Amino acid sequence: MLTEKQRDYLIDGPEGIDTEPKSQKERDYRANIRNRVKEALEDFDLLASQLELRDVGQIFYDPNTVADRSGPEAAQEDYSGDENRTPTPLDETPPTNQIPAVLTFLYLGTISQQKRAGEENPFANDPQFFESLVKQAIHASHTRRGELVDTNVDIEVEIETATGDIDTSELESLSHSELGLLYDNDEITTEQYFEALDFDEDEFDVGSGVLESLSSSNLEE
């Protein structure tokens, strides 16, 4: 969906494409990314309705790359011990691992407060709209497989805290979840995050995903 340079921009910002922040070049990159995503969303209509189901299945569970892959549980298993098969990037990151990110992007889009033609999004911050879309998707999927289903989806969202409501003057007094929320949104630095949690940053490999495991979505109070 994205070009290599567009990925560089999203990962490294303007520096990734050798330009200055808020420059015309950066604005052009953002516009091109938006257009490519819109085109990709239109392509998903074709993929969902026209791509052969066996091809759909092999995108997520390809028997040619992972031996005996048969379901979501198998996607999480370690196949490195199979000496008859050459390891592939799929082993490290099964496509099923990307599904939460896909759903996150789609959900962010549906609850966006962005105005269109001067009008407010009528579904902004309305989880029930996303719920209706999920129902449609499940129904359409089973219909394509020749199955009639009774679909029941119940999504309830209660926003407990927003970053703008958190007092950052005394980080040590905040909960793990609040600290994780601030860190995930770049409101505090890595050093501040570890100091508030009373962890020794030198004991952790930041690049190994430890910070992600400590984020608001995984920490328990």
N, C-alpha and C. Protein backbone atom coordinates (compact mmCIF):
# COMPACT_ATOMS: atom_id res chain seq x y z
N MET A 1 0.83 -1.20 0.00
CA MET A 1 0.00 0.00 0.00
C MET A 1 0.86 1.26 0.00
N LEU A 2 1.91 1.27 0.82
CA LEU A 2 2.79 2.43 0.92
C LEU A 2 4.10 2.16 0.19
N THR A 3 4.71 3.22 -0.32
CA THR A 3 6.03 3.09 -0.92
C THR A 3 7.07 3.04 0.20
N GLU A 4 8.28 2.65 -0.17
CA GLU A 4 9.35 2.58 0.83
C GLU A 4 9.63 3.95 1.44
N LYS A 5 9.62 4.98 0.62
CA LYS A 5 9.89 6.33 1.13
C LYS A 5 8.76 6.81 2.02
N GLN A 6 7.53 6.45 1.71
CA GLN A 6 6.41 6.83 2.57
C GLN A 6 6.53 6.15 3.93
N ARG A 7 6.99 4.91 3.94
CA ARG A 7 7.24 4.23 5.22
C ARG A 7 8.34 4.95 6.00
N ASP A 8 9.38 5.35 5.29
CA ASP A 8 10.47 6.08 5.94
C ASP A 8 9.94 7.35 6.60
N TYR A 9 9.03 8.04 5.90
CA TYR A 9 8.46 9.27 6.45
C TYR A 9 7.65 8.99 7.71
N LEU A 10 6.82 7.95 7.69
CA LEU A 10 5.99 7.64 8.85
C LEU A 10 6.82 7.18 10.03
N ILE A 11 7.93 6.53 9.76
CA ILE A 11 8.79 6.03 10.84
C ILE A 11 9.69 7.13 11.40
N ASP A 12 10.32 7.90 10.52
CA ASP A 12 11.33 8.86 10.94
C ASP A 12 10.91 10.32 10.80
N GLY A 13 9.69 10.57 10.30
CA GLY A 13 9.25 11.94 10.13
C GLY A 13 9.94 12.60 8.94
N PRO A 14 9.95 13.94 8.90
CA PRO A 14 10.56 14.67 7.77
C PRO A 14 12.01 14.26 7.50
N GLU A 15 12.75 13.90 8.55
CA GLU A 15 14.13 13.50 8.35
C GLU A 15 14.24 12.25 7.47
N GLY A 16 13.21 11.40 7.54
CA GLY A 16 13.24 10.17 6.74
C GLY A 16 13.17 10.42 5.25
N ILE A 17 12.71 11.60 4.85
CA ILE A 17 12.63 11.93 3.42
C ILE A 17 13.48 13.17 3.11
N ASP A 18 14.40 13.50 4.01
CA ASP A 18 15.35 14.59 3.81
C ASP A 18 14.65 15.91 3.50
N THR A 19 13.73 16.29 4.36
CA THR A 19 13.05 17.56 4.17
C THR A 19 12.78 18.22 5.52
N GLU A 20 12.32 19.45 5.47
CA GLU A 20 12.05 20.19 6.69
C GLU A 20 10.59 19.99 7.11
N PRO A 21 10.32 20.06 8.43
CA PRO A 21 8.93 19.96 8.90
C PRO A 21 8.07 21.06 8.29
N LYS A 22 6.81 20.69 7.96
CA LYS A 22 5.83 21.63 7.42
C LYS A 22 6.21 22.20 6.06
N SER A 23 7.14 21.55 5.39
CA SER A 23 7.52 22.00 4.05
C SER A 23 6.50 21.51 3.03
N GLN A 24 6.57 22.04 1.81
CA GLN A 24 5.66 21.59 0.76
C GLN A 24 5.88 20.12 0.44
N LYS A 25 7.13 19.69 0.50
CA LYS A 25 7.44 18.29 0.23
C LYS A 25 6.76 17.38 1.26
N GLU A 26 6.79 17.79 2.52
CA GLU A 26 6.14 16.98 3.54
C GLU A 26 4.63 16.96 3.33
N ARG A 27 4.04 18.10 3.00
CA ARG A 27 2.60 18.15 2.75
C ARG A 27 2.22 17.26 1.57
N ASP A 28 3.08 17.23 0.55
CA ASP A 28 2.82 16.37 -0.61
C ASP A 28 2.87 14.90 -0.21
N TYR A 29 3.81 14.54 0.64
CA TYR A 29 3.91 13.15 1.10
C TYR A 29 2.65 12.75 1.85
N ARG A 30 2.19 13.63 2.74
CA ARG A 30 0.99 13.32 3.51
C ARG A 30 -0.23 13.15 2.60
N ALA A 31 -0.33 14.03 1.60
CA ALA A 31 -1.46 13.94 0.67
C ALA A 31 -1.40 12.64 -0.13
N ASN A 32 -0.20 12.26 -0.57
CA ASN A 32 -0.04 11.03 -1.35
C ASN A 32 -0.36 9.80 -0.51
N ILE A 33 0.02 9.83 0.77
CA ILE A 33 -0.30 8.71 1.67
C ILE A 33 -1.80 8.59 1.83
N ARG A 34 -2.48 9.71 2.03
CA ARG A 34 -3.94 9.68 2.17
C ARG A 34 -4.59 9.09 0.92
N ASN A 35 -4.11 9.51 -0.25
CA ASN A 35 -4.70 9.01 -1.50
C ASN A 35 -4.46 7.52 -1.68
N ARG A 36 -3.27 7.06 -1.34
CA ARG A 36 -2.97 5.63 -1.50
C ARG A 36 -3.81 4.79 -0.54
N VAL A 37 -4.04 5.31 0.66
CA VAL A 37 -4.86 4.57 1.61
C VAL A 37 -6.31 4.50 1.12
N LYS A 38 -6.82 5.62 0.60
CA LYS A 38 -8.19 5.62 0.07
C LYS A 38 -8.33 4.60 -1.06
N GLU A 39 -7.35 4.55 -1.94
CA GLU A 39 -7.39 3.59 -3.04
C GLU A 39 -7.31 2.16 -2.51
N ALA A 40 -6.50 1.95 -1.47
CA ALA A 40 -6.38 0.61 -0.89
C ALA A 40 -7.69 0.17 -0.27
N LEU A 41 -8.39 1.10 0.39
CA LEU A 41 -9.67 0.76 0.99
C LEU A 41 -10.68 0.34 -0.08
N GLU A 42 -10.63 1.01 -1.23
CA GLU A 42 -11.51 0.61 -2.33
C GLU A 42 -11.13 -0.78 -2.85
N ASP A 43 -9.83 -1.08 -2.86
CA ASP A 43 -9.37 -2.40 -3.31
C ASP A 43 -9.85 -3.50 -2.38
N PHE A 44 -10.03 -3.18 -1.10
CA PHE A 44 -10.48 -4.21 -0.16
C PHE A 44 -11.89 -4.68 -0.50
N ASP A 45 -12.67 -3.83 -1.10
CA ASP A 45 -14.00 -4.24 -1.55
C ASP A 45 -13.87 -5.36 -2.57
N LEU A 46 -12.91 -5.19 -3.49
CA LEU A 46 -12.66 -6.22 -4.49
C LEU A 46 -12.09 -7.48 -3.85
N LEU A 47 -11.14 -7.32 -2.95
CA LEU A 47 -10.51 -8.47 -2.31
C LEU A 47 -11.53 -9.29 -1.54
N ALA A 48 -12.40 -8.60 -0.80
CA ALA A 48 -13.37 -9.31 0.03
C ALA A 48 -14.42 -10.04 -0.80
N SER A 49 -14.74 -9.50 -1.95
CA SER A 49 -15.83 -10.08 -2.75
C SER A 49 -15.37 -10.96 -3.90
N GLN A 50 -14.12 -10.74 -4.38
CA GLN A 50 -13.71 -11.43 -5.60
C GLN A 50 -12.52 -12.37 -5.44
N LEU A 51 -11.62 -12.10 -4.51
CA LEU A 51 -10.45 -12.98 -4.35
C LEU A 51 -10.90 -14.34 -3.86
N GLU A 52 -10.39 -15.41 -4.49
CA GLU A 52 -10.79 -16.76 -4.11
C GLU A 52 -10.50 -16.99 -2.63
N LEU A 53 -11.42 -17.68 -1.97
CA LEU A 53 -11.29 -17.89 -0.53
C LEU A 53 -10.01 -18.63 -0.18
N ARG A 54 -9.58 -19.54 -1.04
CA ARG A 54 -8.33 -20.25 -0.75
C ARG A 54 -7.14 -19.30 -0.77
N ASP A 55 -7.21 -18.28 -1.63
CA ASP A 55 -6.14 -17.28 -1.66
C ASP A 55 -6.19 -16.40 -0.42
N VAL A 56 -7.40 -16.06 0.02
CA VAL A 56 -7.55 -15.29 1.25
C VAL A 56 -6.93 -16.06 2.41
N GLY A 57 -7.25 -17.35 2.49
CA GLY A 57 -6.72 -18.16 3.57
C GLY A 57 -5.21 -18.24 3.56
N GLN A 58 -4.61 -18.34 2.36
CA GLN A 58 -3.15 -18.50 2.29
C GLN A 58 -2.42 -17.21 2.62
N ILE A 59 -3.10 -16.07 2.55
CA ILE A 59 -2.45 -14.83 2.97
C ILE A 59 -2.14 -14.88 4.46
N PHE A 60 -3.05 -15.48 5.22
CA PHE A 60 -2.89 -15.52 6.68
C PHE A 60 -2.28 -16.83 7.16
N TYR A 61 -2.57 -17.93 6.50
CA TYR A 61 -2.03 -19.23 6.91
C TYR A 61 -1.56 -19.98 5.67
N ASP A 62 -0.34 -19.68 5.25
CA ASP A 62 0.19 -20.25 4.02
C ASP A 62 0.92 -21.55 4.31
N PRO A 63 0.39 -22.69 3.87
CA PRO A 63 1.03 -23.98 4.15
C PRO A 63 2.39 -24.11 3.49
N ASN A 64 2.71 -23.26 2.52
CA ASN A 64 4.00 -23.34 1.84
C ASN A 64 5.11 -22.64 2.61
N THR A 65 4.74 -21.84 3.61
CA THR A 65 5.77 -21.13 4.36
C THR A 65 5.85 -21.60 5.81
N VAL A 66 4.76 -22.07 6.36
CA VAL A 66 4.76 -22.55 7.74
C VAL A 66 4.12 -23.93 7.77
N ALA A 67 4.88 -24.93 8.14
CA ALA A 67 4.40 -26.31 8.11
C ALA A 67 3.24 -26.52 9.06
N ASP A 68 2.23 -27.22 8.57
CA ASP A 68 1.10 -27.63 9.40
C ASP A 68 0.36 -26.47 10.03
N ARG A 69 0.38 -25.32 9.40
CA ARG A 69 -0.35 -24.17 9.94
C ARG A 69 -1.85 -24.41 9.71
N SER A 70 -2.63 -24.38 10.78
CA SER A 70 -4.04 -24.71 10.61
C SER A 70 -5.00 -23.74 11.29
N GLY A 71 -4.52 -22.75 11.99
CA GLY A 71 -5.42 -21.83 12.66
C GLY A 71 -4.68 -20.77 13.43
N PRO A 72 -5.41 -19.87 14.10
CA PRO A 72 -4.78 -18.77 14.85
C PRO A 72 -3.79 -19.26 15.90
N GLU A 73 -4.11 -20.40 16.56
CA GLU A 73 -3.20 -20.90 17.58
C GLU A 73 -1.88 -21.31 16.95
N ALA A 74 -1.97 -21.96 15.77
CA ALA A 74 -0.76 -22.41 15.10
C ALA A 74 0.11 -21.25 14.68
N ALA A 75 -0.52 -20.09 14.40
CA ALA A 75 0.24 -18.93 13.96
C ALA A 75 1.18 -18.42 15.03
N GLN A 76 0.91 -18.76 16.29
CA GLN A 76 1.73 -18.26 17.38
C GLN A 76 2.82 -19.25 17.80
N GLU A 77 2.82 -20.44 17.19
CA GLU A 77 3.78 -21.46 17.59
C GLU A 77 5.14 -21.21 16.96
N ASP A 78 6.17 -21.82 17.56
CA ASP A 78 7.53 -21.67 17.06
C ASP A 78 7.85 -22.85 16.15
N TYR A 79 8.06 -22.56 14.86
CA TYR A 79 8.36 -23.61 13.90
C TYR A 79 9.85 -23.66 13.56
N SER A 80 10.68 -22.97 14.36
CA SER A 80 12.10 -22.89 14.04
C SER A 80 12.78 -24.24 14.12
N GLY A 81 12.15 -25.21 14.79
CA GLY A 81 12.76 -26.52 14.92
C GLY A 81 12.58 -27.41 13.72
N ASP A 82 11.84 -26.97 12.73
CA ASP A 82 11.60 -27.77 11.54
C ASP A 82 12.78 -27.61 10.60
N GLU A 83 13.67 -28.60 10.58
CA GLU A 83 14.88 -28.49 9.79
C GLU A 83 14.63 -28.67 8.29
N ASN A 84 13.42 -29.06 7.92
CA ASN A 84 13.09 -29.27 6.52
C ASN A 84 12.54 -28.02 5.85
N ARG A 85 12.51 -26.94 6.59
CA ARG A 85 11.92 -25.73 6.05
C ARG A 85 12.80 -24.52 6.33
N THR A 86 12.90 -23.63 5.36
CA THR A 86 13.68 -22.41 5.53
C THR A 86 12.85 -21.37 6.25
N PRO A 87 13.35 -20.81 7.38
CA PRO A 87 12.59 -19.79 8.11
C PRO A 87 12.29 -18.59 7.22
N THR A 88 11.15 -17.99 7.42
CA THR A 88 10.75 -16.82 6.65
C THR A 88 10.33 -15.71 7.61
N PRO A 89 10.23 -14.45 7.13
CA PRO A 89 9.75 -13.36 7.98
C PRO A 89 8.37 -13.64 8.54
N LEU A 90 7.58 -14.47 7.86
CA LEU A 90 6.24 -14.78 8.35
C LEU A 90 6.28 -15.47 9.70
N ASP A 91 7.37 -16.21 9.94
CA ASP A 91 7.50 -16.90 11.23
C ASP A 91 7.59 -15.91 12.37
N GLU A 92 8.29 -14.81 12.15
CA GLU A 92 8.49 -13.82 13.19
C GLU A 92 7.26 -12.93 13.36
N THR A 93 6.60 -12.61 12.27
CA THR A 93 5.44 -11.74 12.33
C THR A 93 4.32 -12.31 11.48
N PRO A 94 3.53 -13.25 12.02
CA PRO A 94 2.39 -13.77 11.25
C PRO A 94 1.44 -12.65 10.89
N PRO A 95 0.81 -12.71 9.71
CA PRO A 95 -0.13 -11.66 9.31
C PRO A 95 -1.23 -11.44 10.34
N THR A 96 -1.60 -12.49 11.10
CA THR A 96 -2.65 -12.31 12.10
C THR A 96 -2.22 -11.30 13.17
N ASN A 97 -0.92 -11.13 13.37
CA ASN A 97 -0.45 -10.15 14.36
C ASN A 97 -0.77 -8.72 13.96
N GLN A 98 -1.00 -8.50 12.66
CA GLN A 98 -1.26 -7.14 12.19
C GLN A 98 -2.73 -6.77 12.25
N ILE A 99 -3.60 -7.76 12.51
CA ILE A 99 -5.03 -7.49 12.50
C ILE A 99 -5.43 -6.42 13.54
N PRO A 100 -4.92 -6.46 14.77
CA PRO A 100 -5.27 -5.38 15.71
C PRO A 100 -4.92 -3.99 15.18
N ALA A 101 -3.78 -3.87 14.48
CA ALA A 101 -3.40 -2.57 13.92
C ALA A 101 -4.38 -2.15 12.82
N VAL A 102 -4.82 -3.12 12.00
CA VAL A 102 -5.79 -2.81 10.95
C VAL A 102 -7.09 -2.31 11.56
N LEU A 103 -7.56 -3.03 12.59
CA LEU A 103 -8.81 -2.64 13.25
C LEU A 103 -8.65 -1.28 13.94
N THR A 104 -7.48 -1.04 14.53
CA THR A 104 -7.21 0.25 15.17
C THR A 104 -7.34 1.38 14.17
N PHE A 105 -6.73 1.20 12.99
CA PHE A 105 -6.77 2.23 11.96
C PHE A 105 -8.21 2.49 11.50
N LEU A 106 -8.96 1.41 11.28
CA LEU A 106 -10.34 1.56 10.83
C LEU A 106 -11.20 2.22 11.90
N TYR A 107 -10.98 1.85 13.16
CA TYR A 107 -11.76 2.44 14.25
C TYR A 107 -11.43 3.93 14.40
N LEU A 108 -10.13 4.27 14.31
CA LEU A 108 -9.74 5.68 14.39
C LEU A 108 -10.42 6.49 13.29
N GLY A 109 -10.53 5.88 12.10
CA GLY A 109 -11.16 6.58 11.00
C GLY A 109 -12.64 6.83 11.24
N THR A 110 -13.34 5.85 11.81
CA THR A 110 -14.78 6.00 11.99
C THR A 110 -15.13 6.98 13.11
N ILE A 111 -14.26 7.12 14.11
CA ILE A 111 -14.56 8.04 15.21
C ILE A 111 -13.87 9.39 15.04
N SER A 112 -13.25 9.59 13.89
CA SER A 112 -12.51 10.83 13.64
C SER A 112 -13.41 12.05 13.80
N GLN A 113 -12.85 13.10 14.37
CA GLN A 113 -13.58 14.36 14.52
C GLN A 113 -13.29 15.31 13.37
N GLN A 114 -12.60 14.79 12.34
CA GLN A 114 -12.28 15.61 11.17
C GLN A 114 -13.56 16.07 10.47
N LYS A 115 -13.63 17.34 10.12
CA LYS A 115 -14.78 17.86 9.40
C LYS A 115 -14.67 17.52 7.92
N ARG A 116 -15.82 17.34 7.26
CA ARG A 116 -15.86 17.07 5.83
C ARG A 116 -16.82 18.05 5.18
N ALA A 117 -16.30 18.85 4.25
CA ALA A 117 -17.11 19.88 3.60
C ALA A 117 -17.76 20.79 4.63
N GLY A 118 -17.00 21.05 5.72
CA GLY A 118 -17.49 21.95 6.75
C GLY A 118 -18.45 21.32 7.73
N GLU A 119 -18.80 20.04 7.51
CA GLU A 119 -19.76 19.37 8.39
C GLU A 119 -19.03 18.44 9.36
N GLU A 120 -19.54 18.37 10.59
CA GLU A 120 -18.97 17.48 11.58
C GLU A 120 -19.26 16.02 11.20
N ASN A 121 -18.34 15.13 11.56
CA ASN A 121 -18.57 13.71 11.36
C ASN A 121 -19.69 13.26 12.30
N PRO A 122 -20.83 12.81 11.78
CA PRO A 122 -21.95 12.44 12.66
C PRO A 122 -21.66 11.22 13.52
N PHE A 123 -20.59 10.48 13.17
CA PHE A 123 -20.27 9.26 13.92
C PHE A 123 -19.04 9.43 14.81
N ALA A 124 -18.55 10.68 14.95
CA ALA A 124 -17.38 10.93 15.79
C ALA A 124 -17.63 10.44 17.20
N ASN A 125 -16.67 9.67 17.71
CA ASN A 125 -16.76 9.13 19.07
C ASN A 125 -18.04 8.32 19.29
N ASP A 126 -18.49 7.62 18.25
CA ASP A 126 -19.68 6.79 18.35
C ASP A 126 -19.32 5.33 18.10
N PRO A 127 -18.97 4.57 19.14
CA PRO A 127 -18.58 3.17 18.97
C PRO A 127 -19.68 2.31 18.34
N GLN A 128 -20.94 2.72 18.50
CA GLN A 128 -22.03 1.92 17.95
C GLN A 128 -21.99 1.89 16.42
N PHE A 129 -21.47 2.95 15.80
CA PHE A 129 -21.33 2.94 14.35
C PHE A 129 -20.32 1.88 13.93
N PHE A 130 -19.19 1.82 14.63
CA PHE A 130 -18.18 0.80 14.34
C PHE A 130 -18.75 -0.59 14.61
N GLU A 131 -19.56 -0.70 15.65
CA GLU A 131 -20.22 -1.96 15.97
C GLU A 131 -21.07 -2.43 14.80
N SER A 132 -21.82 -1.50 14.19
CA SER A 132 -22.66 -1.86 13.05
C SER A 132 -21.82 -2.31 11.87
N LEU A 133 -20.65 -1.71 11.69
CA LEU A 133 -19.76 -2.10 10.60
C LEU A 133 -19.21 -3.49 10.82
N VAL A 134 -18.86 -3.80 12.07
CA VAL A 134 -18.35 -5.13 12.39
C VAL A 134 -19.42 -6.18 12.11
N LYS A 135 -20.64 -5.88 12.48
CA LYS A 135 -21.75 -6.80 12.20
C LYS A 135 -21.88 -7.05 10.71
N GLN A 136 -21.81 -5.98 9.91
CA GLN A 136 -21.92 -6.12 8.46
C GLN A 136 -20.78 -6.99 7.92
N ALA A 137 -19.57 -6.77 8.45
CA ALA A 137 -18.41 -7.52 7.97
C ALA A 137 -18.54 -9.01 8.28
N ILE A 138 -18.99 -9.33 9.48
CA ILE A 138 -19.15 -10.74 9.86
C ILE A 138 -20.23 -11.39 9.01
N HIS A 139 -21.34 -10.69 8.83
CA HIS A 139 -22.43 -11.22 8.03
C HIS A 139 -21.98 -11.46 6.59
N ALA A 140 -21.28 -10.47 6.00
CA ALA A 140 -20.82 -10.59 4.61
C ALA A 140 -19.82 -11.73 4.46
N SER A 141 -18.96 -11.92 5.46
CA SER A 141 -17.96 -12.99 5.39
C SER A 141 -18.61 -14.36 5.35
N HIS A 142 -19.58 -14.58 6.23
CA HIS A 142 -20.24 -15.89 6.25
C HIS A 142 -21.15 -16.08 5.05
N THR A 143 -21.75 -15.00 4.55
CA THR A 143 -22.55 -15.10 3.34
C THR A 143 -21.69 -15.55 2.18
N ARG A 144 -20.47 -15.01 2.09
CA ARG A 144 -19.55 -15.39 1.01
C ARG A 144 -19.19 -16.87 1.11
N ARG A 145 -19.19 -17.41 2.32
CA ARG A 145 -18.89 -18.82 2.52
C ARG A 145 -20.13 -19.70 2.41
N GLY A 146 -21.26 -19.08 2.06
CA GLY A 146 -22.49 -19.83 1.90
C GLY A 146 -23.14 -20.21 3.21
N GLU A 147 -22.98 -19.34 4.22
CA GLU A 147 -23.50 -19.63 5.55
C GLU A 147 -24.42 -18.51 6.03
N LEU A 148 -25.53 -18.88 6.62
CA LEU A 148 -26.40 -17.91 7.27
C LEU A 148 -26.05 -17.87 8.75
N VAL A 149 -25.89 -16.68 9.30
CA VAL A 149 -25.49 -16.57 10.70
C VAL A 149 -26.37 -15.55 11.42
N ASP A 150 -26.47 -15.74 12.71
CA ASP A 150 -27.12 -14.76 13.58
C ASP A 150 -26.01 -14.02 14.31
N THR A 151 -25.78 -12.78 13.94
CA THR A 151 -24.63 -12.02 14.43
C THR A 151 -25.01 -11.16 15.63
N ASN A 152 -24.22 -11.27 16.68
CA ASN A 152 -24.44 -10.45 17.87
C ASN A 152 -23.11 -9.82 18.27
N VAL A 153 -23.00 -8.53 18.09
CA VAL A 153 -21.79 -7.79 18.44
C VAL A 153 -22.17 -6.68 19.41
N ASP A 154 -21.47 -6.60 20.52
CA ASP A 154 -21.76 -5.58 21.53
C ASP A 154 -20.47 -4.88 21.91
N ILE A 155 -20.32 -3.63 21.49
CA ILE A 155 -19.12 -2.85 21.80
C ILE A 155 -19.51 -1.69 22.69
N GLU A 156 -18.91 -1.63 23.86
CA GLU A 156 -19.13 -0.52 24.78
C GLU A 156 -17.80 0.14 25.10
N VAL A 157 -17.75 1.43 24.96
CA VAL A 157 -16.53 2.18 25.21
C VAL A 157 -16.81 3.31 26.19
N GLU A 158 -16.05 3.35 27.25
CA GLU A 158 -16.16 4.45 28.22
C GLU A 158 -14.79 5.07 28.39
N ILE A 159 -14.65 6.31 27.95
CA ILE A 159 -13.36 7.00 28.06
C ILE A 159 -13.15 7.43 29.51
N GLU A 160 -12.19 6.81 30.16
CA GLU A 160 -11.94 7.09 31.57
C GLU A 160 -11.00 8.29 31.75
N THR A 161 -9.98 8.37 30.90
CA THR A 161 -8.97 9.41 31.04
C THR A 161 -8.47 9.83 29.67
N ALA A 162 -8.22 11.12 29.50
CA ALA A 162 -7.59 11.65 28.29
C ALA A 162 -6.30 12.34 28.71
N THR A 163 -5.31 12.35 27.81
CA THR A 163 -4.01 12.92 28.18
C THR A 163 -4.14 14.36 28.66
N GLY A 164 -5.07 15.12 28.09
CA GLY A 164 -5.22 16.52 28.49
C GLY A 164 -5.75 16.69 29.89
N ASP A 165 -6.30 15.62 30.47
CA ASP A 165 -6.86 15.69 31.82
C ASP A 165 -5.88 15.24 32.90
N ILE A 166 -4.71 14.77 32.49
CA ILE A 166 -3.74 14.23 33.45
C ILE A 166 -2.78 15.31 33.90
N ASP A 167 -2.63 15.46 35.20
CA ASP A 167 -1.69 16.41 35.78
C ASP A 167 -0.29 15.80 35.75
N THR A 168 0.59 16.37 34.94
CA THR A 168 1.93 15.81 34.78
C THR A 168 2.96 16.44 35.71
N SER A 169 2.50 17.25 36.64
CA SER A 169 3.45 17.92 37.54
C SER A 169 4.08 16.95 38.53
N GLU A 170 3.38 15.89 38.87
CA GLU A 170 3.91 14.87 39.79
C GLU A 170 3.69 13.50 39.17
N LEU A 171 4.60 13.10 38.31
CA LEU A 171 4.45 11.85 37.58
C LEU A 171 4.43 10.63 38.50
N GLU A 172 5.16 10.72 39.62
CA GLU A 172 5.25 9.57 40.54
C GLU A 172 3.90 9.21 41.14
N SER A 173 2.97 10.16 41.13
CA SER A 173 1.66 9.91 41.74
C SER A 173 0.67 9.28 40.76
N LEU A 174 1.06 9.18 39.49
CA LEU A 174 0.15 8.65 38.47
C LEU A 174 0.14 7.13 38.47
N SER A 175 -0.95 6.56 37.98
CA SER A 175 -1.05 5.11 37.87
C SER A 175 -0.23 4.63 36.68
N HIS A 176 0.03 3.31 36.65
CA HIS A 176 0.76 2.73 35.53
C HIS A 176 0.04 3.00 34.21
N SER A 177 -1.26 2.88 34.22
CA SER A 177 -2.03 3.09 32.99
C SER A 177 -1.92 4.53 32.51
N GLU A 178 -1.96 5.49 33.44
CA GLU A 178 -1.86 6.89 33.05
C GLU A 178 -0.47 7.20 32.50
N LEU A 179 0.56 6.64 33.13
CA LEU A 179 1.93 6.83 32.63
C LEU A 179 2.07 6.21 31.24
N GLY A 180 1.50 5.03 31.06
CA GLY A 180 1.57 4.37 29.76
C GLY A 180 0.87 5.19 28.69
N LEU A 181 -0.26 5.80 29.04
CA LEU A 181 -1.00 6.62 28.08
C LEU A 181 -0.17 7.83 27.68
N LEU A 182 0.47 8.48 28.66
CA LEU A 182 1.30 9.64 28.37
C LEU A 182 2.50 9.25 27.51
N TYR A 183 3.11 8.11 27.83
CA TYR A 183 4.28 7.68 27.06
C TYR A 183 3.90 7.32 25.63
N ASP A 184 2.80 6.58 25.48
CA ASP A 184 2.36 6.16 24.15
C ASP A 184 2.04 7.35 23.25
N ASN A 185 1.69 8.49 23.86
CA ASN A 185 1.35 9.69 23.10
C ASN A 185 2.46 10.73 23.12
N ASP A 186 3.69 10.28 23.48
CA ASP A 186 4.87 11.15 23.46
C ASP A 186 4.73 12.39 24.33
N GLU A 187 3.96 12.26 25.42
CA GLU A 187 3.79 13.37 26.35
C GLU A 187 4.91 13.39 27.39
N ILE A 188 5.56 12.25 27.58
CA ILE A 188 6.71 12.16 28.49
C ILE A 188 7.81 11.37 27.80
N THR A 189 9.06 11.58 28.25
CA THR A 189 10.19 10.91 27.66
C THR A 189 10.36 9.51 28.26
N THR A 190 11.22 8.72 27.61
CA THR A 190 11.52 7.39 28.14
C THR A 190 12.12 7.48 29.53
N GLU A 191 13.00 8.46 29.74
CA GLU A 191 13.63 8.64 31.05
C GLU A 191 12.59 8.97 32.11
N GLN A 192 11.67 9.86 31.80
CA GLN A 192 10.61 10.22 32.75
C GLN A 192 9.73 9.02 33.05
N TYR A 193 9.47 8.22 32.03
CA TYR A 193 8.60 7.06 32.18
C TYR A 193 9.21 6.06 33.16
N PHE A 194 10.49 5.71 32.94
CA PHE A 194 11.15 4.75 33.82
C PHE A 194 11.32 5.31 35.23
N GLU A 195 11.65 6.60 35.32
CA GLU A 195 11.84 7.20 36.64
C GLU A 195 10.56 7.18 37.45
N ALA A 196 9.43 7.47 36.81
CA ALA A 196 8.15 7.47 37.51
C ALA A 196 7.75 6.06 37.93
N LEU A 197 8.14 5.07 37.12
CA LEU A 197 7.82 3.67 37.46
C LEU A 197 8.83 3.08 38.45
N ASP A 198 9.89 3.85 38.74
CA ASP A 198 10.94 3.41 39.65
C ASP A 198 11.65 2.18 39.10
N PHE A 199 11.88 2.19 37.77
CA PHE A 199 12.65 1.14 37.12
C PHE A 199 14.00 1.68 36.74
N ASP A 200 14.99 0.80 36.67
CA ASP A 200 16.32 1.16 36.19
C ASP A 200 16.33 0.96 34.68
N GLU A 201 16.35 2.06 33.93
CA GLU A 201 16.27 1.98 32.48
C GLU A 201 17.40 1.16 31.89
N ASP A 202 18.59 1.18 32.54
CA ASP A 202 19.75 0.47 32.00
C ASP A 202 19.57 -1.04 32.02
N GLU A 203 18.62 -1.53 32.82
CA GLU A 203 18.40 -2.96 32.91
C GLU A 203 17.54 -3.48 31.77
N PHE A 204 16.96 -2.57 30.96
CA PHE A 204 16.05 -2.98 29.90
C PHE A 204 16.60 -2.60 28.54
N ASP A 205 16.32 -3.46 27.57
CA ASP A 205 16.62 -3.17 26.18
C ASP A 205 15.40 -2.50 25.57
N VAL A 206 15.46 -1.19 25.38
CA VAL A 206 14.30 -0.43 24.92
C VAL A 206 13.81 -0.95 23.58
N GLY A 207 14.73 -1.40 22.74
CA GLY A 207 14.34 -1.85 21.42
C GLY A 207 13.73 -3.23 21.38
N SER A 208 13.67 -3.92 22.51
CA SER A 208 13.19 -5.30 22.51
C SER A 208 11.70 -5.40 22.70
N GLY A 209 11.03 -4.27 22.85
CA GLY A 209 9.59 -4.30 23.03
C GLY A 209 9.18 -4.26 24.48
N VAL A 210 10.14 -4.05 25.39
CA VAL A 210 9.81 -4.00 26.82
C VAL A 210 8.87 -2.85 27.11
N LEU A 211 9.15 -1.70 26.50
CA LEU A 211 8.29 -0.54 26.74
C LEU A 211 6.88 -0.81 26.28
N GLU A 212 6.76 -1.52 25.17
CA GLU A 212 5.42 -1.83 24.68
C GLU A 212 4.68 -2.70 25.68
N SER A 213 5.41 -3.65 26.29
CA SER A 213 4.77 -4.54 27.25
C SER A 213 4.40 -3.82 28.53
N LEU A 214 5.03 -2.65 28.76
CA LEU A 214 4.73 -1.88 29.96
C LEU A 214 3.69 -0.80 29.71
N SER A 215 3.19 -0.72 28.49
CA SER A 215 2.29 0.35 28.13
C SER A 215 0.94 0.18 28.78
N SER A 216 0.09 1.18 28.59
CA SER A 216 -1.20 1.20 29.26
C SER A 216 -2.09 0.05 28.88
N SER A 217 -1.88 -0.54 27.71
CA SER A 217 -2.75 -1.62 27.27
C SER A 217 -2.39 -2.94 27.93
N ASN A 218 -1.20 -3.03 28.56
CA ASN A 218 -0.77 -4.30 29.13
C ASN A 218 -0.53 -4.28 30.63
N LEU A 219 -0.36 -3.09 31.20
CA LEU A 219 -0.09 -3.03 32.62
C LEU A 219 -1.35 -3.19 33.43
N GLU A 220 -1.27 -3.93 34.50
CA GLU A 220 -2.39 -4.07 35.42
C GLU A 220 -2.13 -3.21 36.63
N GLU A 221 -3.20 -2.61 37.11
CA GLU A 221 -3.05 -1.77 38.29
C GLU A 221 -2.67 -2.62 39.51
